[in-house]
């Protein structure tokens, strides 16, 4: 969905407003819960924002009321309300797009708190489209072949694997560390949907052969990244901890690109009924 506004009120003194939109779902308590926010467009009273995507999980029914607010951005965080549209809905936004019309924004009246003042500024929906979103279960039940991939963080921020406070510490008593638990808990479920049980497994952020690599084969092979089963991932991971020096920085791009290229080649040479899952296990947020 592409949204734009026209003829917004100017809230700045020495320049024009820096508007952005915030879309919230109206809840039963008459409050609102933010579900989406556009980017800020600087110095513009007729902004057109980049496409925004909303899912039914966020807004519920297409008839559920929404609160759409337009603010003038301030770096202090004290944003100034330019105008709002209350009790709009996804169905209303769809209608605006079909009819190619705008709807006026409002602002609370300065004289009567319960009254609203209609503004010259308007909200438009330049583009609206709906796409059905399928779940993981939908793909599996439809006969898609699952392909599981995994990538493990070997940056130094995980701590020295020789010490018990490291996330990579291998307990001689057999207690699994955080990485091993993640591999087991996810892998043991997914592997039964992967027919050949051959999983590409990589590491990133570690030093191999004296150079930092952000995508190296976990099994140490110079060519083949695949291991067999979850037990193969666990074995390759434990071996890599002895052969790879933890380093950095944390870069996900090379692993994601490698996985995407592998998926693209496979889909080009076979039919399209494949579903790829890349599990990135890292110390940081992605």
Protein backbone atom coordinates (compact mmCIF):
# COMPACT_ATOMS: atom_id res chain seq x y z
CA UNK A 1 0.00 0.00 0.00
CA UNK A 2 1.35 3.43 -0.99
CA UNK A 3 0.12 6.40 1.03
CA UNK A 4 0.55 10.10 0.44
CA UNK A 5 -0.76 13.38 1.83
CA UNK A 6 -1.37 16.78 0.31
CA UNK A 7 -1.60 20.32 1.68
CA UNK A 8 -0.37 19.44 5.16
CA UNK A 9 -0.13 22.19 7.76
CA UNK A 10 3.37 23.48 8.32
CA UNK A 11 4.57 22.99 11.89
CA UNK A 12 8.12 24.31 11.46
CA UNK A 13 9.21 27.95 11.56
CA UNK A 14 12.29 28.06 9.35
CA UNK A 15 11.43 25.15 7.04
CA UNK A 16 8.58 22.85 6.13
CA UNK A 17 7.30 19.95 8.22
CA UNK A 18 9.06 16.57 8.19
CA UNK A 19 6.01 14.28 8.10
CA UNK A 20 5.58 10.59 8.82
CA UNK A 21 2.50 8.42 9.35
CA UNK A 22 1.72 6.12 12.24
CA UNK A 23 -1.05 3.55 11.84
CA UNK A 24 -2.60 2.07 14.99
CA UNK A 25 -5.29 -0.49 15.69
CA UNK A 26 -8.12 0.82 17.87
CA UNK A 27 -8.81 -1.53 20.78
CA UNK A 28 -11.94 -2.05 22.86
CA UNK A 29 -10.71 0.16 25.69
CA UNK A 30 -10.75 3.09 23.22
CA UNK A 31 -6.98 3.10 23.24
CA UNK A 32 -4.78 2.30 20.25
CA UNK A 33 -1.86 -0.03 19.52
CA UNK A 34 0.68 1.10 16.86
CA UNK A 35 1.13 -1.49 14.11
CA UNK A 36 3.00 0.40 11.39
CA UNK A 37 5.03 3.55 10.79
CA UNK A 38 6.32 5.11 7.58
CA UNK A 39 9.68 6.72 7.05
CA UNK A 40 10.18 10.44 7.62
CA UNK A 41 10.13 12.70 4.55
CA UNK A 42 12.02 15.90 5.24
CA UNK A 43 10.80 19.38 4.38
CA UNK A 44 7.67 18.36 2.46
CA UNK A 45 3.99 19.27 2.82
CA UNK A 46 2.91 16.89 0.04
CA UNK A 47 4.73 13.68 1.00
CA UNK A 48 4.48 10.30 -0.71
CA UNK A 49 5.87 7.47 1.41
CA UNK A 50 7.44 4.18 0.45
CA UNK A 51 5.09 1.17 0.32
CA UNK A 52 3.93 -0.19 3.67
CA UNK A 53 2.79 -3.74 4.33
CA UNK A 54 0.15 -4.75 6.85
CA UNK A 55 -0.96 -8.28 7.68
CA UNK A 56 -4.34 -9.44 8.94
CA UNK A 57 -2.60 -10.48 12.16
CA UNK A 58 -1.97 -6.80 12.81
CA UNK A 59 -5.36 -5.29 11.98
CA UNK A 60 -7.70 -8.30 12.30
CA UNK A 61 -10.80 -7.76 10.15
CA UNK A 62 -10.77 -5.33 7.23
CA UNK A 63 -13.62 -3.52 8.98
CA UNK A 64 -11.78 -3.02 12.27
CA UNK A 65 -11.19 0.67 13.06
CA UNK A 66 -7.75 2.19 12.64
CA UNK A 67 -6.20 5.44 13.78
CA UNK A 68 -3.96 7.05 11.15
CA UNK A 69 -1.86 9.93 12.49
CA UNK A 70 0.47 12.28 10.65
CA UNK A 71 3.29 13.79 12.70
CA UNK A 72 6.01 16.35 12.14
CA UNK A 73 9.24 14.59 13.13
CA UNK A 74 11.50 16.13 15.78
CA UNK A 75 14.87 14.62 16.66
CA UNK A 76 14.07 15.11 20.35
CA UNK A 77 11.29 12.55 20.02
CA UNK A 78 8.64 15.16 20.81
CA UNK A 79 6.82 14.82 17.49
CA UNK A 80 4.07 17.32 16.66
CA UNK A 81 0.68 16.08 15.48
CA UNK A 82 -0.21 17.49 12.06
CA UNK A 83 -3.54 15.69 11.71
CA UNK A 84 -5.27 12.35 12.08
CA UNK A 85 -7.97 10.14 10.61
CA UNK A 86 -9.89 8.20 13.26
CA UNK A 87 -12.18 5.22 12.71
CA UNK A 88 -10.77 4.50 9.29
CA UNK A 89 -10.27 0.86 8.31
CA UNK A 90 -8.48 -1.26 5.73
CA UNK A 91 -11.77 -1.43 3.81
CA UNK A 92 -11.93 2.39 3.82
CA UNK A 93 -8.36 2.64 2.51
CA UNK A 94 -9.18 0.16 -0.25
CA UNK A 95 -12.20 2.27 -1.20
CA UNK A 96 -10.10 5.44 -1.35
CA UNK A 97 -7.76 3.72 -3.77
CA UNK A 98 -10.58 2.46 -6.00
CA UNK A 99 -12.35 5.82 -6.08
CA UNK A 100 -9.12 7.80 -6.46
CA UNK A 101 -10.26 10.24 -3.80
CA UNK A 102 -8.71 11.60 -0.63
CA UNK A 103 -10.04 12.00 2.88
CA UNK A 104 -9.50 15.03 5.06
CA UNK A 105 -7.40 14.91 8.19
CA UNK A 106 -8.65 16.29 11.49
CA UNK A 107 -7.19 17.79 14.61
CA UNK A 108 -8.78 18.35 18.04
CA UNK A 109 -10.54 21.70 18.31
CA UNK A 110 -8.80 24.25 20.52
CA UNK A 111 -12.18 25.49 21.77
CA UNK A 112 -14.10 22.27 22.43
CA UNK A 113 -12.09 19.23 23.48
CA UNK A 114 -14.65 16.74 22.15
CA UNK A 115 -14.98 18.45 18.77
CA UNK A 116 -12.70 18.06 15.78
CA UNK A 117 -11.49 20.60 13.27
CA UNK A 118 -11.33 19.45 9.67
CA UNK A 119 -8.07 20.36 7.96
CA UNK A 120 -7.24 21.15 4.37
CA UNK A 121 -4.69 18.35 4.37
CA UNK A 122 -5.83 15.06 2.87
CA UNK A 123 -4.74 11.41 2.91
CA UNK A 124 -4.62 9.43 -0.35
CA UNK A 125 -4.04 5.75 -1.12
CA UNK A 126 -2.15 5.68 -4.42
CA UNK A 127 -1.72 1.92 -4.50
CA UNK A 128 -3.48 -0.93 -2.76
CA UNK A 129 -3.10 -4.66 -3.29
CA UNK A 130 -3.75 -7.82 -1.31
CA UNK A 131 -1.68 -10.99 -1.30
CA UNK A 132 -2.51 -14.22 0.42
CA UNK A 133 0.16 -15.15 2.94
CA UNK A 134 0.78 -18.86 3.32
CA UNK A 135 2.06 -20.43 6.51
CA UNK A 136 4.79 -23.03 6.88
CA UNK A 137 2.09 -25.68 7.40
CA UNK A 138 0.40 -24.62 4.15
CA UNK A 139 3.59 -25.26 2.18
CA UNK A 140 4.32 -28.59 3.83
CA UNK A 141 0.75 -29.89 3.48
CA UNK A 142 0.76 -28.88 -0.20
CA UNK A 143 3.66 -31.22 -0.92
CA UNK A 144 6.54 -28.74 -0.97
CA UNK A 145 9.94 -30.31 -0.39
CA UNK A 146 11.71 -28.74 2.57
CA UNK A 147 15.39 -27.77 2.44
CA UNK A 148 17.06 -26.89 5.73
CA UNK A 149 20.22 -24.76 6.02
CA UNK A 150 22.06 -23.55 9.12
CA UNK A 151 24.69 -20.90 9.87
CA UNK A 152 26.56 -20.51 13.18
CA UNK A 153 28.15 -17.38 14.65
CA UNK A 154 31.91 -17.77 15.27
CA UNK A 155 32.63 -14.20 16.35
CA UNK A 156 34.77 -13.52 19.42
CA UNK A 157 31.84 -11.92 21.26
CA UNK A 158 30.67 -15.45 22.11
CA UNK A 159 33.62 -15.85 24.48
CA UNK A 160 36.54 -18.25 24.52
CA UNK A 161 35.17 -21.80 23.97
CA UNK A 162 37.64 -23.17 26.52
CA UNK A 163 35.87 -21.37 29.37
CA UNK A 164 32.48 -22.27 30.82
CA UNK A 165 31.07 -18.74 30.43
CA UNK A 166 31.39 -18.97 26.64
CA UNK A 167 28.29 -19.61 24.55
CA UNK A 168 30.43 -22.10 22.59
CA UNK A 169 31.64 -24.04 25.64
CA UNK A 170 31.32 -27.81 25.17
CA UNK A 171 30.43 -29.40 28.50
CA UNK A 172 32.26 -32.70 29.06
CA UNK A 173 29.27 -33.86 31.11
CA UNK A 174 27.11 -33.64 28.00
CA UNK A 175 25.02 -30.56 28.80
CA UNK A 176 24.27 -28.76 25.54
CA UNK A 177 25.29 -25.14 25.05
CA UNK A 178 22.94 -22.54 23.55
CA UNK A 179 24.05 -23.21 19.97
CA UNK A 180 23.71 -26.97 20.32
CA UNK A 181 20.23 -26.62 21.82
CA UNK A 182 19.10 -24.37 18.96
CA UNK A 183 20.42 -26.83 16.36
CA UNK A 184 18.75 -29.78 18.07
CA UNK A 185 15.40 -28.15 18.83
CA UNK A 186 14.88 -26.72 15.35
CA UNK A 187 16.72 -29.34 13.34
CA UNK A 188 15.02 -32.37 14.86
CA UNK A 189 11.63 -31.00 13.82
CA UNK A 190 12.56 -29.84 10.33
CA UNK A 191 14.75 -32.77 9.30
CA UNK A 192 11.75 -35.07 8.95
CA UNK A 193 10.36 -32.82 6.21
CA UNK A 194 13.67 -32.83 4.29
CA UNK A 195 13.72 -35.99 2.19
CA UNK A 196 17.48 -36.43 1.75
CA UNK A 197 18.44 -35.04 5.19
CA UNK A 198 21.48 -33.34 3.64
CA UNK A 199 21.88 -29.90 5.18
CA UNK A 200 24.22 -27.10 4.06
CA UNK A 201 25.95 -25.85 7.21
CA UNK A 202 28.16 -22.76 7.45
CA UNK A 203 29.99 -20.68 9.98
CA UNK A 204 30.64 -16.95 9.85
CA UNK A 205 32.86 -14.45 11.64
CA UNK A 206 35.65 -16.95 12.29
CA UNK A 207 39.25 -17.14 11.12
CA UNK A 208 40.14 -20.13 8.95
CA UNK A 209 43.59 -20.62 7.41
CA UNK A 210 44.66 -17.30 8.89
CA UNK A 211 41.92 -15.19 7.29
CA UNK A 212 38.51 -14.12 8.58
CA UNK A 213 35.64 -15.67 6.64
CA UNK A 214 32.01 -14.66 6.79
CA UNK A 215 30.83 -17.86 5.14
CA UNK A 216 32.88 -21.04 5.54
CA UNK A 217 31.78 -24.66 5.37
CA UNK A 218 31.20 -25.93 8.88
CA UNK A 219 32.51 -29.40 7.99
CA UNK A 220 35.88 -27.99 6.88
CA UNK A 221 35.45 -29.13 3.28
CA UNK A 222 36.69 -26.64 0.67
CA UNK A 223 33.85 -27.52 -1.72
CA UNK A 224 30.88 -29.29 -0.16
CA UNK A 225 28.92 -27.60 2.63
CA UNK A 226 26.42 -30.41 3.20
CA UNK A 227 26.31 -32.68 6.24
CA UNK A 228 23.93 -35.57 6.91
CA UNK A 229 21.23 -35.09 9.51
CA UNK A 230 21.19 -33.06 12.70
CA UNK A 231 23.90 -35.31 14.10
CA UNK A 232 26.08 -34.25 11.15
CA UNK A 233 25.56 -30.58 12.01
CA UNK A 234 26.41 -31.23 15.65
CA UNK A 235 29.58 -33.12 14.75
CA UNK A 236 30.72 -30.49 12.23
CA UNK A 237 30.05 -27.72 14.77
CA UNK A 238 32.08 -29.43 17.52
CA UNK A 239 34.96 -30.08 15.12
CA UNK A 240 34.93 -26.48 13.85
CA UNK A 241 35.38 -25.17 17.39
CA UNK A 242 38.80 -26.86 17.42
CA UNK A 243 39.81 -25.66 13.95
CA UNK A 244 38.35 -22.14 13.72
CA UNK A 245 39.55 -19.10 15.65
CA UNK A 246 36.73 -16.85 16.84
CA UNK A 247 37.06 -13.42 15.27
CA UNK A 248 34.67 -10.87 13.74
CA UNK A 249 32.90 -8.66 12.86
CA UNK A 250 29.36 -10.05 12.68
CA UNK A 251 28.23 -9.98 9.05
CA UNK A 252 25.21 -11.97 7.88
CA UNK A 253 25.24 -10.88 4.23
CA UNK A 254 27.65 -13.49 2.79
CA UNK A 255 25.76 -16.39 4.40
CA UNK A 256 22.37 -15.08 3.26
CA UNK A 257 23.68 -14.50 -0.27
CA UNK A 258 25.19 -18.00 -0.44
CA UNK A 259 21.93 -19.57 0.73
CA UNK A 260 19.91 -17.49 -1.75
CA UNK A 261 22.19 -18.46 -4.64
CA UNK A 262 21.96 -22.14 -3.73
CA UNK A 263 18.16 -21.93 -3.54
CA UNK A 264 17.95 -20.08 -6.88
CA UNK A 265 20.11 -22.67 -8.66
CA UNK A 266 18.06 -25.53 -7.24
CA UNK A 267 14.75 -23.95 -8.23
CA UNK A 268 16.05 -23.24 -11.73
CA UNK A 269 17.06 -26.87 -12.30
CA UNK A 270 14.01 -28.49 -10.68
CA UNK A 271 10.36 -27.62 -10.24
CA UNK A 272 9.37 -24.77 -7.95
CA UNK A 273 7.90 -26.92 -5.17
CA UNK A 274 10.70 -26.28 -2.69
CA UNK A 275 10.67 -24.39 0.60
CA UNK A 276 14.01 -23.20 2.00
CA UNK A 277 14.67 -22.54 5.68
CA UNK A 278 17.89 -20.78 6.74
CA UNK A 279 18.52 -20.91 10.49
CA UNK A 280 21.05 -18.27 11.59
CA UNK A 281 22.22 -18.83 15.16
CA UNK A 282 23.97 -15.77 16.52
CA UNK A 283 24.88 -13.91 19.66
CA UNK A 284 23.32 -10.73 18.28
CA UNK A 285 19.87 -9.67 17.14
CA UNK A 286 19.34 -9.95 13.38
